[in-house]
Amino acid sequence: MKDVNRDLLVLSKKLANNAKALEHEIECLNRILFVVEHMDQFSIANEVIDINRCKIITQPHLVPQAIRQRSHKPFVFINCKN
């Protein structure tokens, strides 16, 4: 896993006094976010609604293709399934 430089705001009452526990918490959050932010996970959690063609694209291998198209037409939406 590559070292990711991101800004995280961690609010916790119980970790305020222990710097080592806070560092461990941030390391765990970075590991979780590294996995969750991949395009595979994004494709599973989202769908593309194309009003022009009256289609809903839900297959995980087709969602990135629909998002990466060069010509974005109006009324094509990315919808989160959550």
PDB file of N, CA and C in Angstrom:
ATOM      1  N   MET A   1       0.849  -1.178   0.000  1.00  0.00           N
ATOM      2  CA  MET A   1       0.000   0.000   0.000  1.00  0.00           C
ATOM      3  C   MET A   1       0.890   1.236   0.000  1.00  0.00           C
ATOM      4  N   LYS A   2       0.631   2.150  -0.935  1.00  0.00           N
ATOM      5  CA  LYS A   2       1.431   3.364  -0.993  1.00  0.00           C
ATOM      6  C   LYS A   2       0.996   4.343   0.091  1.00  0.00           C
ATOM      7  N   ASP A   3       1.906   5.205   0.462  1.00  0.00           N
ATOM      8  CA  ASP A   3       1.624   6.184   1.506  1.00  0.00           C
ATOM      9  C   ASP A   3       0.734   7.277   0.934  1.00  0.00           C
ATOM     10  N   VAL A   4      -0.427   7.432   1.497  1.00  0.00           N
ATOM     11  CA  VAL A   4      -1.404   8.398   1.015  1.00  0.00           C
ATOM     12  C   VAL A   4      -1.350   9.627   1.902  1.00  0.00           C
ATOM     13  N   ASN A   5      -1.245  10.784   1.281  1.00  0.00           N
ATOM     14  CA  ASN A   5      -1.239  12.034   2.011  1.00  0.00           C
ATOM     15  C   ASN A   5      -2.626  12.647   1.911  1.00  0.00           C
ATOM     16  N   ARG A   6      -3.390  12.552   2.973  1.00  0.00           N
ATOM     17  CA  ARG A   6      -4.743  13.095   2.987  1.00  0.00           C
ATOM     18  C   ARG A   6      -4.982  13.799   4.315  1.00  0.00           C
ATOM     19  N   ASP A   7      -5.933  14.677   4.312  1.00  0.00           N
ATOM     20  CA  ASP A   7      -6.311  15.374   5.532  1.00  0.00           C
ATOM     21  C   ASP A   7      -7.490  14.643   6.159  1.00  0.00           C
ATOM     22  N   LEU A   8      -7.327  14.250   7.399  1.00  0.00           N
ATOM     23  CA  LEU A   8      -8.392  13.582   8.141  1.00  0.00           C
ATOM     24  C   LEU A   8      -8.689  14.375   9.398  1.00  0.00           C
ATOM     25  N   LEU A   9      -9.936  14.526   9.687  1.00  0.00           N
ATOM     26  CA  LEU A   9     -10.365  15.141  10.928  1.00  0.00           C
ATOM     27  C   LEU A   9     -10.924  14.031  11.800  1.00  0.00           C
ATOM     28  N   VAL A  10     -10.242  13.721  12.886  1.00  0.00           N
ATOM     29  CA  VAL A  10     -10.643  12.641  13.778  1.00  0.00           C
ATOM     30  C   VAL A  10     -11.044  13.263  15.103  1.00  0.00           C
ATOM     31  N   LEU A  11     -12.304  13.100  15.460  1.00  0.00           N
ATOM     32  CA  LEU A  11     -12.816  13.613  16.725  1.00  0.00           C
ATOM     33  C   LEU A  11     -13.116  12.446  17.641  1.00  0.00           C
ATOM     34  N   SER A  12     -12.463  12.442  18.790  1.00  0.00           N
ATOM     35  CA  SER A  12     -12.678  11.362  19.736  1.00  0.00           C
ATOM     36  C   SER A  12     -12.367  11.860  21.144  1.00  0.00           C
ATOM     37  N   LYS A  13     -13.220  11.536  22.071  1.00  0.00           N
ATOM     38  CA  LYS A  13     -12.982  11.930  23.462  1.00  0.00           C
ATOM     39  C   LYS A  13     -11.968  11.019  24.131  1.00  0.00           C
ATOM     40  N   LYS A  14     -12.009   9.741  23.804  1.00  0.00           N
ATOM     41  CA  LYS A  14     -11.144   8.798  24.508  1.00  0.00           C
ATOM     42  C   LYS A  14      -9.722   8.761  23.964  1.00  0.00           C
ATOM     43  N   LEU A  15      -9.459   9.254  22.754  1.00  0.00           N
ATOM     44  CA  LEU A  15      -8.127   9.231  22.185  1.00  0.00           C
ATOM     45  C   LEU A  15      -7.395  10.567  22.340  1.00  0.00           C
ATOM     46  N   ALA A  16      -7.972  11.515  23.020  1.00  0.00           N
ATOM     47  CA  ALA A  16      -7.408  12.858  23.095  1.00  0.00           C
ATOM     48  C   ALA A  16      -6.060  12.894  23.810  1.00  0.00           C
ATOM     49  N   ASN A  17      -5.847  12.074  24.822  1.00  0.00           N
ATOM     50  CA  ASN A  17      -4.630  12.142  25.613  1.00  0.00           C
ATOM     51  C   ASN A  17      -3.541  11.201  25.132  1.00  0.00           C
ATOM     52  N   ASN A  18      -3.857  10.228  24.310  1.00  0.00           N
ATOM     53  CA  ASN A  18      -2.905   9.212  23.909  1.00  0.00           C
ATOM     54  C   ASN A  18      -2.541   9.401  22.429  1.00  0.00           C
ATOM     55  N   ALA A  19      -1.358   9.923  22.173  1.00  0.00           N
ATOM     56  CA  ALA A  19      -0.923  10.207  20.797  1.00  0.00           C
ATOM     57  C   ALA A  19      -0.687   8.923  20.009  1.00  0.00           C
ATOM     58  N   LYS A  20      -0.189   7.880  20.672  1.00  0.00           N
ATOM     59  CA  LYS A  20       0.077   6.614  19.975  1.00  0.00           C
ATOM     60  C   LYS A  20      -1.233   5.960  19.524  1.00  0.00           C
ATOM     61  N   ALA A  21      -2.259   6.035  20.345  1.00  0.00           N
ATOM     62  CA  ALA A  21      -3.561   5.481  19.973  1.00  0.00           C
ATOM     63  C   ALA A  21      -4.176   6.275  18.828  1.00  0.00           C
ATOM     64  N   LEU A  22      -3.967   7.572  18.818  1.00  0.00           N
ATOM     65  CA  LEU A  22      -4.473   8.409  17.737  1.00  0.00           C
ATOM     66  C   LEU A  22      -3.772   8.072  16.420  1.00  0.00           C
ATOM     67  N   GLU A  23      -2.463   7.871  16.460  1.00  0.00           N
ATOM     68  CA  GLU A  23      -1.722   7.476  15.256  1.00  0.00           C
ATOM     69  C   GLU A  23      -2.197   6.123  14.737  1.00  0.00           C
ATOM     70  N   HIS A  24      -2.453   5.196  15.634  1.00  0.00           N
ATOM     71  CA  HIS A  24      -2.965   3.877  15.233  1.00  0.00           C
ATOM     72  C   HIS A  24      -4.347   4.006  14.587  1.00  0.00           C
ATOM     73  N   GLU A  25      -5.185   4.849  15.144  1.00  0.00           N
ATOM     74  CA  GLU A  25      -6.533   5.074  14.600  1.00  0.00           C
ATOM     75  C   GLU A  25      -6.454   5.670  13.191  1.00  0.00           C
ATOM     76  N   ILE A  26      -5.558   6.605  12.985  1.00  0.00           N
ATOM     77  CA  ILE A  26      -5.393   7.227  11.669  1.00  0.00           C
ATOM     78  C   ILE A  26      -4.845   6.218  10.663  1.00  0.00           C
ATOM     79  N   GLU A  27      -3.913   5.374  11.096  1.00  0.00           N
ATOM     80  CA  GLU A  27      -3.377   4.334  10.219  1.00  0.00           C
ATOM     81  C   GLU A  27      -4.478   3.360   9.796  1.00  0.00           C
ATOM     82  N   CYS A  28      -5.337   2.969  10.721  1.00  0.00           N
ATOM     83  CA  CYS A  28      -6.454   2.069  10.393  1.00  0.00           C
ATOM     84  C   CYS A  28      -7.437   2.731   9.432  1.00  0.00           C
ATOM     85  N   LEU A  29      -7.732   4.002   9.648  1.00  0.00           N
ATOM     86  CA  LEU A  29      -8.623   4.729   8.742  1.00  0.00           C
ATOM     87  C   LEU A  29      -8.031   4.830   7.341  1.00  0.00           C
ATOM     88  N   ASN A  30      -6.732   5.067   7.241  1.00  0.00           N
ATOM     89  CA  ASN A  30      -6.083   5.132   5.928  1.00  0.00           C
ATOM     90  C   ASN A  30      -6.160   3.797   5.210  1.00  0.00           C
ATOM     91  N   ARG A  31      -5.980   2.682   5.947  1.00  0.00           N
ATOM     92  CA  ARG A  31      -6.081   1.355   5.327  1.00  0.00           C
ATOM     93  C   ARG A  31      -7.494   1.094   4.820  1.00  0.00           C
ATOM     94  N   ILE A  32      -8.487   1.471   5.604  1.00  0.00           N
ATOM     95  CA  ILE A  32      -9.882   1.265   5.203  1.00  0.00           C
ATOM     96  C   ILE A  32     -10.216   2.116   3.975  1.00  0.00           C
ATOM     97  N   LEU A  33      -9.822   3.379   3.996  1.00  0.00           N
ATOM     98  CA  LEU A  33     -10.128   4.279   2.886  1.00  0.00           C
ATOM     99  C   LEU A  33      -9.391   3.882   1.615  1.00  0.00           C
ATOM    100  N   PHE A  34      -8.196   3.315   1.739  1.00  0.00           N
ATOM    101  CA  PHE A  34      -7.448   2.867   0.571  1.00  0.00           C
ATOM    102  C   PHE A  34      -8.225   1.786  -0.179  1.00  0.00           C
ATOM    103  N   VAL A  35      -8.863   0.877   0.553  1.00  0.00           N
ATOM    104  CA  VAL A  35      -9.642  -0.202  -0.065  1.00  0.00           C
ATOM    105  C   VAL A  35     -10.954   0.330  -0.632  1.00  0.00           C
ATOM    106  N   VAL A  36     -11.611   1.178   0.108  1.00  0.00           N
ATOM    107  CA  VAL A  36     -12.949   1.651  -0.264  1.00  0.00           C
ATOM    108  C   VAL A  36     -12.926   2.591  -1.466  1.00  0.00           C
ATOM    109  N   GLU A  37     -11.841   3.317  -1.667  1.00  0.00           N
ATOM    110  CA  GLU A  37     -11.799   4.323  -2.719  1.00  0.00           C
ATOM    111  C   GLU A  37     -11.465   3.778  -4.104  1.00  0.00           C
ATOM    112  N   HIS A  38     -11.257   2.497  -4.262  1.00  0.00           N
ATOM    113  CA  HIS A  38     -10.964   1.936  -5.581  1.00  0.00           C
ATOM    114  C   HIS A  38     -12.184   1.991  -6.490  1.00  0.00           C
ATOM    115  N   MET A  39     -11.940   1.986  -7.780  1.00  0.00           N
ATOM    116  CA  MET A  39     -13.021   2.046  -8.763  1.00  0.00           C
ATOM    117  C   MET A  39     -13.918   0.819  -8.695  1.00  0.00           C
ATOM    118  N   ASP A  40     -13.362  -0.333  -8.306  1.00  0.00           N
ATOM    119  CA  ASP A  40     -14.182  -1.545  -8.180  1.00  0.00           C
ATOM    120  C   ASP A  40     -15.283  -1.353  -7.152  1.00  0.00           C
ATOM    121  N   GLN A  41     -14.921  -0.813  -6.009  1.00  0.00           N
ATOM    122  CA  GLN A  41     -15.907  -0.584  -4.951  1.00  0.00           C
ATOM    123  C   GLN A  41     -16.890   0.520  -5.347  1.00  0.00           C
ATOM    124  N   PHE A  42     -16.392   1.536  -6.032  1.00  0.00           N
ATOM    125  CA  PHE A  42     -17.265   2.605  -6.518  1.00  0.00           C
ATOM    126  C   PHE A  42     -18.296   2.061  -7.501  1.00  0.00           C
ATOM    127  N   SER A  43     -17.851   1.155  -8.367  1.00  0.00           N
ATOM    128  CA  SER A  43     -18.740   0.579  -9.378  1.00  0.00           C
ATOM    129  C   SER A  43     -19.819  -0.301  -8.759  1.00  0.00           C
ATOM    130  N   ILE A  44     -19.490  -0.964  -7.676  1.00  0.00           N
ATOM    131  CA  ILE A  44     -20.478  -1.803  -6.996  1.00  0.00           C
ATOM    132  C   ILE A  44     -21.511  -0.948  -6.278  1.00  0.00           C
ATOM    133  N   ALA A  45     -21.080   0.173  -5.709  1.00  0.00           N
ATOM    134  CA  ALA A  45     -21.969   1.000  -4.895  1.00  0.00           C
ATOM    135  C   ALA A  45     -22.787   2.008  -5.706  1.00  0.00           C
ATOM    136  N   ASN A  46     -22.477   2.179  -7.002  1.00  0.00           N
ATOM    137  CA  ASN A  46     -23.168   3.185  -7.809  1.00  0.00           C
ATOM    138  C   ASN A  46     -23.723   2.572  -9.089  1.00  0.00           C
ATOM    139  N   GLU A  47     -24.650   3.299  -9.683  1.00  0.00           N
ATOM    140  CA  GLU A  47     -25.211   2.915 -10.972  1.00  0.00           C
ATOM    141  C   GLU A  47     -25.317   4.168 -11.831  1.00  0.00           C
ATOM    142  N   VAL A  48     -25.395   3.971 -13.133  1.00  0.00           N
ATOM    143  CA  VAL A  48     -25.519   5.089 -14.068  1.00  0.00           C
ATOM    144  C   VAL A  48     -26.908   5.034 -14.677  1.00  0.00           C
ATOM    145  N   ILE A  49     -27.630   6.129 -14.564  1.00  0.00           N
ATOM    146  CA  ILE A  49     -28.977   6.230 -15.123  1.00  0.00           C
ATOM    147  C   ILE A  49     -28.891   7.122 -16.356  1.00  0.00           C
ATOM    148  N   ASP A  50     -29.187   6.544 -17.500  1.00  0.00           N
ATOM    149  CA  ASP A  50     -29.144   7.266 -18.773  1.00  0.00           C
ATOM    150  C   ASP A  50     -30.582   7.469 -19.244  1.00  0.00           C
ATOM    151  N   ILE A  51     -31.078   8.678 -19.066  1.00  0.00           N
ATOM    152  CA  ILE A  51     -32.452   9.005 -19.457  1.00  0.00           C
ATOM    153  C   ILE A  51     -32.582   9.042 -20.982  1.00  0.00           C
ATOM    154  N   ASN A  52     -31.526   9.414 -21.681  1.00  0.00           N
ATOM    155  CA  ASN A  52     -31.568   9.509 -23.141  1.00  0.00           C
ATOM    156  C   ASN A  52     -31.843   8.156 -23.789  1.00  0.00           C
ATOM    157  N   ARG A  53     -31.217   7.107 -23.269  1.00  0.00           N
ATOM    158  CA  ARG A  53     -31.399   5.772 -23.831  1.00  0.00           C
ATOM    159  C   ARG A  53     -32.358   4.918 -23.002  1.00  0.00           C
ATOM    160  N   CYS A  54     -32.924   5.484 -21.972  1.00  0.00           N
ATOM    161  CA  CYS A  54     -33.845   4.773 -21.065  1.00  0.00           C
ATOM    162  C   CYS A  54     -33.181   3.507 -20.514  1.00  0.00           C
ATOM    163  N   LYS A  55     -31.951   3.656 -20.011  1.00  0.00           N
ATOM    164  CA  LYS A  55     -31.198   2.524 -19.477  1.00  0.00           C
ATOM    165  C   LYS A  55     -30.680   2.843 -18.087  1.00  0.00           C
ATOM    166  N   ILE A  56     -30.588   1.815 -17.282  1.00  0.00           N
ATOM    167  CA  ILE A  56     -29.923   1.890 -15.994  1.00  0.00           C
ATOM    168  C   ILE A  56     -28.782   0.884 -16.029  1.00  0.00           C
ATOM    169  N   ILE A  57     -27.570   1.377 -15.903  1.00  0.00           N
ATOM    170  CA  ILE A  57     -26.387   0.519 -15.961  1.00  0.00           C
ATOM    171  C   ILE A  57     -25.989   0.188 -14.532  1.00  0.00           C
ATOM    172  N   THR A  58     -26.114  -1.081 -14.166  1.00  0.00           N
ATOM    173  CA  THR A  58     -25.783  -1.515 -12.812  1.00  0.00           C
ATOM    174  C   THR A  58     -24.633  -2.516 -12.773  1.00  0.00           C
ATOM    175  N   GLN A  59     -24.235  -3.069 -13.918  1.00  0.00           N
ATOM    176  CA  GLN A  59     -23.138  -4.035 -13.941  1.00  0.00           C
ATOM    177  C   GLN A  59     -21.835  -3.321 -13.570  1.00  0.00           C
ATOM    178  N   PRO A  60     -21.107  -3.858 -12.589  1.00  0.00           N
ATOM    179  CA  PRO A  60     -19.885  -3.179 -12.119  1.00  0.00           C
ATOM    180  C   PRO A  60     -18.829  -2.977 -13.196  1.00  0.00           C
ATOM    181  N   HIS A  61     -18.771  -3.834 -14.200  1.00  0.00           N
ATOM    182  CA  HIS A  61     -17.752  -3.649 -15.233  1.00  0.00           C
ATOM    183  C   HIS A  61     -18.158  -2.616 -16.280  1.00  0.00           C
ATOM    184  N   LEU A  62     -19.438  -2.245 -16.347  1.00  0.00           N
ATOM    185  CA  LEU A  62     -19.900  -1.250 -17.319  1.00  0.00           C
ATOM    186  C   LEU A  62     -19.994   0.162 -16.735  1.00  0.00           C
ATOM    187  N   VAL A  63     -20.077   0.279 -15.424  1.00  0.00           N
ATOM    188  CA  VAL A  63     -20.204   1.599 -14.791  1.00  0.00           C
ATOM    189  C   VAL A  63     -18.980   2.473 -15.075  1.00  0.00           C
ATOM    190  N   PRO A  64     -17.740   1.984 -14.915  1.00  0.00           N
ATOM    191  CA  PRO A  64     -16.598   2.862 -15.232  1.00  0.00           C
ATOM    192  C   PRO A  64     -16.550   3.275 -16.704  1.00  0.00           C
ATOM    193  N   GLN A  65     -16.973   2.393 -17.593  1.00  0.00           N
ATOM    194  CA  GLN A  65     -16.994   2.738 -19.013  1.00  0.00           C
ATOM    195  C   GLN A  65     -17.975   3.874 -19.283  1.00  0.00           C
ATOM    196  N   ALA A  66     -19.125   3.824 -18.647  1.00  0.00           N
ATOM    197  CA  ALA A  66     -20.128   4.873 -18.842  1.00  0.00           C
ATOM    198  C   ALA A  66     -19.660   6.205 -18.255  1.00  0.00           C
ATOM    199  N   ILE A  67     -18.915   6.148 -17.161  1.00  0.00           N
ATOM    200  CA  ILE A  67     -18.431   7.381 -16.528  1.00  0.00           C
ATOM    201  C   ILE A  67     -17.295   7.995 -17.332  1.00  0.00           C
ATOM    202  N   ARG A  68     -16.447   7.171 -17.923  1.00  0.00           N
ATOM    203  CA  ARG A  68     -15.263   7.656 -18.635  1.00  0.00           C
ATOM    204  C   ARG A  68     -15.530   8.077 -20.079  1.00  0.00           C
ATOM    205  N   GLN A  69     -16.748   8.015 -20.559  1.00  0.00           N
ATOM    206  CA  GLN A  69     -17.050   8.409 -21.940  1.00  0.00           C
ATOM    207  C   GLN A  69     -16.656   9.859 -22.167  1.00  0.00           C
ATOM    208  N   ARG A  70     -16.100  10.106 -23.336  1.00  0.00           N
ATOM    209  CA  ARG A  70     -15.628  11.458 -23.662  1.00  0.00           C
ATOM    210  C   ARG A  70     -16.777  12.453 -23.811  1.00  0.00           C
ATOM    211  N   SER A  71     -17.841  12.031 -24.460  1.00  0.00           N
ATOM    212  CA  SER A  71     -18.951  12.949 -24.696  1.00  0.00           C
ATOM    213  C   SER A  71     -20.045  12.696 -23.658  1.00  0.00           C
ATOM    214  N   HIS A  72     -20.099  13.562 -22.671  1.00  0.00           N
ATOM    215  CA  HIS A  72     -21.127  13.451 -21.646  1.00  0.00           C
ATOM    216  C   HIS A  72     -22.369  14.206 -22.106  1.00  0.00           C
ATOM    217  N   LYS A  73     -23.436  13.483 -22.217  1.00  0.00           N
ATOM    218  CA  LYS A  73     -24.691  14.079 -22.649  1.00  0.00           C
ATOM    219  C   LYS A  73     -25.503  14.490 -21.427  1.00  0.00           C
ATOM    220  N   PRO A  74     -26.438  15.409 -21.619  1.00  0.00           N
ATOM    221  CA  PRO A  74     -27.316  15.772 -20.512  1.00  0.00           C
ATOM    222  C   PRO A  74     -28.210  14.597 -20.133  1.00  0.00           C
ATOM    223  N   PHE A  75     -28.644  14.592 -18.914  1.00  0.00           N
ATOM    224  CA  PHE A  75     -29.565  13.595 -18.379  1.00  0.00           C
ATOM    225  C   PHE A  75     -28.935  12.206 -18.264  1.00  0.00           C
ATOM    226  N   VAL A  76     -27.655  12.176 -17.935  1.00  0.00           N
ATOM    227  CA  VAL A  76     -26.974  10.940 -17.567  1.00  0.00           C
ATOM    228  C   VAL A  76     -26.485  11.157 -16.138  1.00  0.00           C
ATOM    229  N   PHE A  77     -26.986  10.342 -15.225  1.00  0.00           N
ATOM    230  CA  PHE A  77     -26.755  10.566 -13.802  1.00  0.00           C
ATOM    231  C   PHE A  77     -26.035   9.389 -13.161  1.00  0.00           C
ATOM    232  N   ILE A  78     -25.189   9.697 -12.174  1.00  0.00           N
ATOM    233  CA  ILE A  78     -24.574   8.665 -11.341  1.00  0.00           C
ATOM    234  C   ILE A  78     -25.375   8.641 -10.049  1.00  0.00           C
ATOM    235  N   ASN A  79     -25.915   7.479  -9.725  1.00  0.00           N
ATOM    236  CA  ASN A  79     -26.765   7.331  -8.562  1.00  0.00           C
ATOM    237  C   ASN A  79     -26.130   6.357  -7.573  1.00  0.00           C
ATOM    238  N   CYS A  80     -26.065   6.743  -6.318  1.00  0.00           N
ATOM    239  CA  CYS A  80     -25.551   5.868  -5.283  1.00  0.00           C
ATOM    240  C   CYS A  80     -26.649   4.915  -4.828  1.00  0.00           C
ATOM    241  N   LYS A  81     -26.347   3.628  -4.791  1.00  0.00           N
ATOM    242  CA  LYS A  81     -27.343   2.631  -4.405  1.00  0.00           C
ATOM    243  C   LYS A  81     -27.612   2.624  -2.910  1.00  0.00           C
ATOM    244  N   ASN A  82     -26.723   3.236  -2.145  1.00  0.00           N
ATOM    245  CA  ASN A  82     -26.919   3.215  -0.692  1.00  0.00           C
ATOM    246  C   ASN A  82     -28.081   4.075  -0.335  1.00  0.00           C
TER     247      ASN A  82
END
